[in-house]
PDB file of N, CA and C in Angstrom:
ATOM      1  N   UNK A   1     -32.461  15.145   8.191  1.00  0.00           N
ATOM      2  CA  UNK A   1     -32.483  14.542   6.932  1.00  0.00           C
ATOM      3  C   UNK A   1     -31.647  13.255   6.921  1.00  0.00           C
ATOM      4  N   UNK A   2     -31.926  12.059   6.337  1.00  0.00           N
ATOM      5  CA  UNK A   2     -31.244  10.966   6.268  1.00  0.00           C
ATOM      6  C   UNK A   2     -30.624  10.838   4.853  1.00  0.00           C
ATOM      7  N   UNK A   3     -29.266  10.142   5.019  1.00  0.00           N
ATOM      8  CA  UNK A   3     -28.669   9.688   3.787  1.00  0.00           C
ATOM      9  C   UNK A   3     -29.197   8.913   2.868  1.00  0.00           C
ATOM     10  N   UNK A   4     -29.463   9.121   1.424  1.00  0.00           N
ATOM     11  CA  UNK A   4     -30.036   7.976   0.630  1.00  0.00           C
ATOM     12  C   UNK A   4     -29.181   6.728   0.510  1.00  0.00           C
ATOM     13  N   UNK A   5     -29.767   5.655   0.496  1.00  0.00           N
ATOM     14  CA  UNK A   5     -29.146   4.344   0.324  1.00  0.00           C
ATOM     15  C   UNK A   5     -28.275   4.335  -0.817  1.00  0.00           C
ATOM     16  N   UNK A   6     -27.078   3.784  -0.490  1.00  0.00           N
ATOM     17  CA  UNK A   6     -26.104   3.571  -1.775  1.00  0.00           C
ATOM     18  C   UNK A   6     -26.576   2.571  -2.752  1.00  0.00           C
ATOM     19  N   UNK A   7     -26.392   2.921  -3.890  1.00  0.00           N
ATOM     20  CA  UNK A   7     -26.652   1.824  -4.957  1.00  0.00           C
ATOM     21  C   UNK A   7     -25.795   0.658  -4.887  1.00  0.00           C
ATOM     22  N   UNK A   8     -26.554  -0.334  -5.306  1.00  0.00           N
ATOM     23  CA  UNK A   8     -25.915  -1.739  -5.276  1.00  0.00           C
ATOM     24  C   UNK A   8     -25.927  -2.218  -6.659  1.00  0.00           C
ATOM     25  N   UNK A   9     -24.699  -2.656  -7.000  1.00  0.00           N
ATOM     26  CA  UNK A   9     -24.502  -3.300  -8.421  1.00  0.00           C
ATOM     27  C   UNK A   9     -24.143  -4.759  -8.407  1.00  0.00           C
ATOM     28  N   UNK A  10     -24.731  -5.625  -9.118  1.00  0.00           N
ATOM     29  CA  UNK A  10     -24.496  -7.011  -9.173  1.00  0.00           C
ATOM     30  C   UNK A  10     -24.139  -7.262 -10.444  1.00  0.00           C
ATOM     31  N   UNK A  11     -22.771  -8.009 -10.458  1.00  0.00           N
ATOM     32  CA  UNK A  11     -22.308  -8.572 -11.885  1.00  0.00           C
ATOM     33  C   UNK A  11     -23.229  -9.689 -12.364  1.00  0.00           C
ATOM     34  N   UNK A  12     -23.836  -9.651 -13.530  1.00  0.00           N
ATOM     35  CA  UNK A  12     -24.422 -10.860 -14.139  1.00  0.00           C
ATOM     36  C   UNK A  12     -23.780 -11.574 -15.181  1.00  0.00           C
ATOM     37  N   UNK A  13     -23.127 -10.896 -15.785  1.00  0.00           N
ATOM     38  CA  UNK A  13     -22.307 -11.481 -16.909  1.00  0.00           C
ATOM     39  C   UNK A  13     -20.800 -11.495 -16.679  1.00  0.00           C
ATOM     40  N   UNK A  14     -20.315 -12.442 -16.088  1.00  0.00           N
ATOM     41  CA  UNK A  14     -18.808 -12.503 -15.670  1.00  0.00           C
ATOM     42  C   UNK A  14     -17.990 -12.473 -16.607  1.00  0.00           C
ATOM     43  N   UNK A  15     -18.455 -13.289 -17.709  1.00  0.00           N
ATOM     44  CA  UNK A  15     -17.346 -13.323 -18.870  1.00  0.00           C
ATOM     45  C   UNK A  15     -17.022 -11.869 -19.511  1.00  0.00           C
ATOM     46  N   UNK A  16     -18.004 -11.244 -19.691  1.00  0.00           N
ATOM     47  CA  UNK A  16     -18.196  -9.916 -20.205  1.00  0.00           C
ATOM     48  C   UNK A  16     -17.352  -8.918 -19.256  1.00  0.00           C
ATOM     49  N   UNK A  17     -17.564  -9.160 -18.041  1.00  0.00           N
ATOM     50  CA  UNK A  17     -16.751  -8.217 -16.806  1.00  0.00           C
ATOM     51  C   UNK A  17     -15.336  -8.647 -16.912  1.00  0.00           C
ATOM     52  N   UNK A  18     -14.831  -9.716 -16.944  1.00  0.00           N
ATOM     53  CA  UNK A  18     -13.560 -10.181 -17.021  1.00  0.00           C
ATOM     54  C   UNK A  18     -12.650  -9.849 -18.233  1.00  0.00           C
ATOM     55  N   UNK A  19     -13.464  -9.811 -19.321  1.00  0.00           N
ATOM     56  CA  UNK A  19     -12.905  -9.300 -20.708  1.00  0.00           C
ATOM     57  C   UNK A  19     -12.692  -7.882 -20.585  1.00  0.00           C
ATOM     58  N   UNK A  20     -13.512  -7.087 -20.024  1.00  0.00           N
ATOM     59  CA  UNK A  20     -13.198  -5.697 -20.101  1.00  0.00           C
ATOM     60  C   UNK A  20     -12.327  -5.384 -19.043  1.00  0.00           C
ATOM     61  N   UNK A  21     -12.091  -6.172 -17.741  1.00  0.00           N
ATOM     62  CA  UNK A  21     -11.002  -5.872 -16.947  1.00  0.00           C
ATOM     63  C   UNK A  21      -9.651  -6.162 -17.646  1.00  0.00           C
ATOM     64  N   UNK A  22      -9.816  -7.163 -18.592  1.00  0.00           N
ATOM     65  CA  UNK A  22      -8.507  -7.463 -19.310  1.00  0.00           C
ATOM     66  C   UNK A  22      -8.044  -6.306 -20.528  1.00  0.00           C
ATOM     67  N   UNK A  23      -9.104  -5.598 -20.815  1.00  0.00           N
ATOM     68  CA  UNK A  23      -8.665  -4.616 -21.922  1.00  0.00           C
ATOM     69  C   UNK A  23      -8.334  -3.459 -21.276  1.00  0.00           C
ATOM     70  N   UNK A  24      -8.499  -3.127 -19.936  1.00  0.00           N
ATOM     71  CA  UNK A  24      -8.365  -2.122 -19.355  1.00  0.00           C
ATOM     72  C   UNK A  24      -6.726  -1.671 -19.409  1.00  0.00           C
ATOM     73  N   UNK A  25      -5.997  -2.758 -19.319  1.00  0.00           N
ATOM     74  CA  UNK A  25      -4.533  -2.177 -19.685  1.00  0.00           C
ATOM     75  C   UNK A  25      -3.656  -3.077 -18.528  1.00  0.00           C
ATOM     76  N   UNK A  26      -2.472  -3.096 -18.693  1.00  0.00           N
ATOM     77  CA  UNK A  26      -1.553  -3.969 -17.835  1.00  0.00           C
ATOM     78  C   UNK A  26      -0.484  -2.786 -17.124  1.00  0.00           C
ATOM     79  N   UNK A  27       0.122  -3.256 -16.148  1.00  0.00           N
ATOM     80  CA  UNK A  27       1.207  -2.596 -15.240  1.00  0.00           C
ATOM     81  C   UNK A  27       2.613  -3.378 -15.622  1.00  0.00           C
ATOM     82  N   UNK A  28       3.433  -2.877 -16.290  1.00  0.00           N
ATOM     83  CA  UNK A  28       4.607  -3.486 -16.429  1.00  0.00           C
ATOM     84  C   UNK A  28       5.697  -2.989 -15.778  1.00  0.00           C
ATOM     85  N   UNK A  29       6.337  -3.681 -14.543  1.00  0.00           N
ATOM     86  CA  UNK A  29       7.442  -3.400 -13.952  1.00  0.00           C
ATOM     87  C   UNK A  29       8.899  -4.026 -14.251  1.00  0.00           C
ATOM     88  N   UNK A  30       9.681  -3.255 -14.704  1.00  0.00           N
ATOM     89  CA  UNK A  30      11.150  -3.672 -15.001  1.00  0.00           C
ATOM     90  C   UNK A  30      12.007  -3.578 -13.639  1.00  0.00           C
ATOM     91  N   UNK A  31      12.576  -4.648 -13.341  1.00  0.00           N
ATOM     92  CA  UNK A  31      13.478  -4.741 -12.338  1.00  0.00           C
ATOM     93  C   UNK A  31      14.967  -5.098 -12.946  1.00  0.00           C
ATOM     94  N   UNK A  32      15.816  -4.201 -12.209  1.00  0.00           N
ATOM     95  CA  UNK A  32      17.371  -4.459 -12.532  1.00  0.00           C
ATOM     96  C   UNK A  32      17.735  -5.707 -11.792  1.00  0.00           C
ATOM     97  N   UNK A  33      18.263  -6.560 -12.472  1.00  0.00           N
ATOM     98  CA  UNK A  33      18.980  -7.835 -11.656  1.00  0.00           C
ATOM     99  C   UNK A  33      20.083  -7.612 -10.855  1.00  0.00           C
ATOM    100  N   UNK A  34      20.604  -6.388 -11.268  1.00  0.00           N
ATOM    101  CA  UNK A  34      21.623  -6.138 -10.394  1.00  0.00           C
ATOM    102  C   UNK A  34      21.788  -5.302  -9.039  1.00  0.00           C
ATOM    103  N   UNK A  35      20.312  -4.909  -9.173  1.00  0.00           N
ATOM    104  CA  UNK A  35      20.293  -4.130  -7.597  1.00  0.00           C
ATOM    105  C   UNK A  35      20.251  -5.067  -6.237  1.00  0.00           C
ATOM    106  N   UNK A  36      20.814  -4.424  -5.519  1.00  0.00           N
ATOM    107  CA  UNK A  36      21.015  -5.106  -4.198  1.00  0.00           C
ATOM    108  C   UNK A  36      19.896  -4.825  -3.527  1.00  0.00           C
ATOM    109  N   UNK A  37      19.526  -5.795  -2.730  1.00  0.00           N
ATOM    110  CA  UNK A  37      18.355  -5.840  -1.926  1.00  0.00           C
ATOM    111  C   UNK A  37      18.581  -5.825  -0.749  1.00  0.00           C
ATOM    112  N   UNK A  38      19.685  -6.411  -0.202  1.00  0.00           N
ATOM    113  CA  UNK A  38      20.073  -6.411   1.259  1.00  0.00           C
ATOM    114  C   UNK A  38      21.062  -5.386   1.463  1.00  0.00           C
ATOM    115  N   UNK A  39      20.922  -4.686   2.611  1.00  0.00           N
ATOM    116  CA  UNK A  39      21.844  -3.536   3.040  1.00  0.00           C
ATOM    117  C   UNK A  39      23.117  -3.967   3.212  1.00  0.00           C
ATOM    118  N   UNK A  40      24.286  -3.189   3.129  1.00  0.00           N
ATOM    119  CA  UNK A  40      25.521  -3.539   3.326  1.00  0.00           C
ATOM    120  C   UNK A  40      25.870  -3.403   4.803  1.00  0.00           C
ATOM    121  N   UNK A  41      26.778  -4.224   5.334  1.00  0.00           N
ATOM    122  CA  UNK A  41      27.114  -4.257   6.776  1.00  0.00           C
ATOM    123  C   UNK A  41      27.605  -2.756   7.266  1.00  0.00           C
ATOM    124  N   UNK A  42      27.141  -2.212   8.116  1.00  0.00           N
ATOM    125  CA  UNK A  42      27.726  -0.765   8.515  1.00  0.00           C
ATOM    126  C   UNK A  42      29.154  -0.757   9.814  1.00  0.00           C
ATOM    127  N   UNK A  43      29.092  -2.085  10.341  1.00  0.00           N
ATOM    128  CA  UNK A  43      30.178  -1.867  11.505  1.00  0.00           C
ATOM    129  C   UNK A  43      29.919  -0.857  12.641  1.00  0.00           C
ATOM    130  N   UNK A  44      28.644  -0.673  12.631  1.00  0.00           N
ATOM    131  CA  UNK A  44      28.386   0.442  13.852  1.00  0.00           C
ATOM    132  C   UNK A  44      27.380  -0.295  14.712  1.00  0.00           C
ATOM    133  N   UNK A  45      27.424  -0.007  16.001  1.00  0.00           N
ATOM    134  CA  UNK A  45      26.770  -0.742  17.155  1.00  0.00           C
ATOM    135  C   UNK A  45      25.112  -0.345  16.548  1.00  0.00           C
ATOM    136  N   UNK A  46      24.114  -1.309  17.254  1.00  0.00           N
ATOM    137  CA  UNK A  46      22.903  -1.290  16.713  1.00  0.00           C
ATOM    138  C   UNK A  46      22.456  -2.290  15.802  1.00  0.00           C
ATOM    139  N   UNK A  47      21.166  -2.246  15.674  1.00  0.00           N
ATOM    140  CA  UNK A  47      20.454  -3.328  14.888  1.00  0.00           C
ATOM    141  C   UNK A  47      21.119  -2.845  13.300  1.00  0.00           C
ATOM    142  N   UNK A  48      21.408  -3.730  12.373  1.00  0.00           N
ATOM    143  CA  UNK A  48      21.778  -3.350  11.146  1.00  0.00           C
ATOM    144  C   UNK A  48      20.677  -3.184  10.241  1.00  0.00           C
ATOM    145  N   UNK A  49      20.689  -2.198   9.466  1.00  0.00           N
ATOM    146  CA  UNK A  49      19.526  -2.232   8.376  1.00  0.00           C
ATOM    147  C   UNK A  49      19.340  -3.554   7.474  1.00  0.00           C
ATOM    148  N   UNK A  50      18.149  -3.908   7.135  1.00  0.00           N
ATOM    149  CA  UNK A  50      17.894  -5.118   6.409  1.00  0.00           C
ATOM    150  C   UNK A  50      17.795  -4.939   5.061  1.00  0.00           C
ATOM    151  N   UNK A  51      17.177  -3.885   4.486  1.00  0.00           N
ATOM    152  CA  UNK A  51      17.063  -3.628   3.249  1.00  0.00           C
ATOM    153  C   UNK A  51      17.855  -2.318   2.666  1.00  0.00           C
ATOM    154  N   UNK A  52      18.498  -2.445   1.687  1.00  0.00           N
ATOM    155  CA  UNK A  52      19.236  -1.266   1.083  1.00  0.00           C
ATOM    156  C   UNK A  52      18.013  -0.066   0.773  1.00  0.00           C
ATOM    157  N   UNK A  53      18.690   1.120   0.479  1.00  0.00           N
ATOM    158  CA  UNK A  53      17.922   2.254   0.156  1.00  0.00           C
ATOM    159  C   UNK A  53      17.230   2.062  -0.993  1.00  0.00           C
ATOM    160  N   UNK A  54      18.001   1.447  -2.112  1.00  0.00           N
ATOM    161  CA  UNK A  54      17.232   1.396  -3.432  1.00  0.00           C
ATOM    162  C   UNK A  54      16.052   0.486  -3.280  1.00  0.00           C
ATOM    163  N   UNK A  55      16.245  -0.630  -2.462  1.00  0.00           N
ATOM    164  CA  UNK A  55      14.896  -1.447  -2.184  1.00  0.00           C
ATOM    165  C   UNK A  55      13.775  -0.780  -1.514  1.00  0.00           C
ATOM    166  N   UNK A  56      14.024  -0.031  -0.384  1.00  0.00           N
ATOM    167  CA  UNK A  56      13.158   0.636   0.035  1.00  0.00           C
ATOM    168  C   UNK A  56      12.469   1.744  -0.934  1.00  0.00           C
ATOM    169  N   UNK A  57      13.368   2.388  -1.442  1.00  0.00           N
ATOM    170  CA  UNK A  57      12.650   3.421  -2.572  1.00  0.00           C
ATOM    171  C   UNK A  57      11.776   2.701  -3.442  1.00  0.00           C
ATOM    172  N   UNK A  58      12.177   1.527  -4.060  1.00  0.00           N
ATOM    173  CA  UNK A  58      11.478   0.853  -4.938  1.00  0.00           C
ATOM    174  C   UNK A  58      10.161   0.320  -4.444  1.00  0.00           C
ATOM    175  N   UNK A  59      10.109  -0.181  -3.194  1.00  0.00           N
ATOM    176  CA  UNK A  59       8.713  -0.337  -2.834  1.00  0.00           C
ATOM    177  C   UNK A  59       7.840   0.808  -2.441  1.00  0.00           C
ATOM    178  N   UNK A  60       8.454   1.841  -1.816  1.00  0.00           N
ATOM    179  CA  UNK A  60       7.588   3.267  -1.842  1.00  0.00           C
ATOM    180  C   UNK A  60       7.059   3.698  -3.224  1.00  0.00           C
ATOM    181  N   UNK A  61       7.985   3.556  -4.228  1.00  0.00           N
ATOM    182  CA  UNK A  61       7.408   3.922  -5.344  1.00  0.00           C
ATOM    183  C   UNK A  61       6.259   3.204  -5.902  1.00  0.00           C
ATOM    184  N   UNK A  62       6.295   1.707  -5.980  1.00  0.00           N
ATOM    185  CA  UNK A  62       5.197   0.982  -6.329  1.00  0.00           C
ATOM    186  C   UNK A  62       4.023   1.023  -5.316  1.00  0.00           C
TER     187      UNK A  62
END
């Protein structure tokens, strides 16, 4: 038995579609201006980390 073909939807009223997307809501992200984005120097051999732990956690959260 074969799968039924998926339905295709076409947007014909772009103005209404865009207004609907705007009304869905927004995502607001507040950043701390004092957050350190670059990692501190460790003084250990090897490649130093580029970003701080706080910056990595922020990116993973978003």
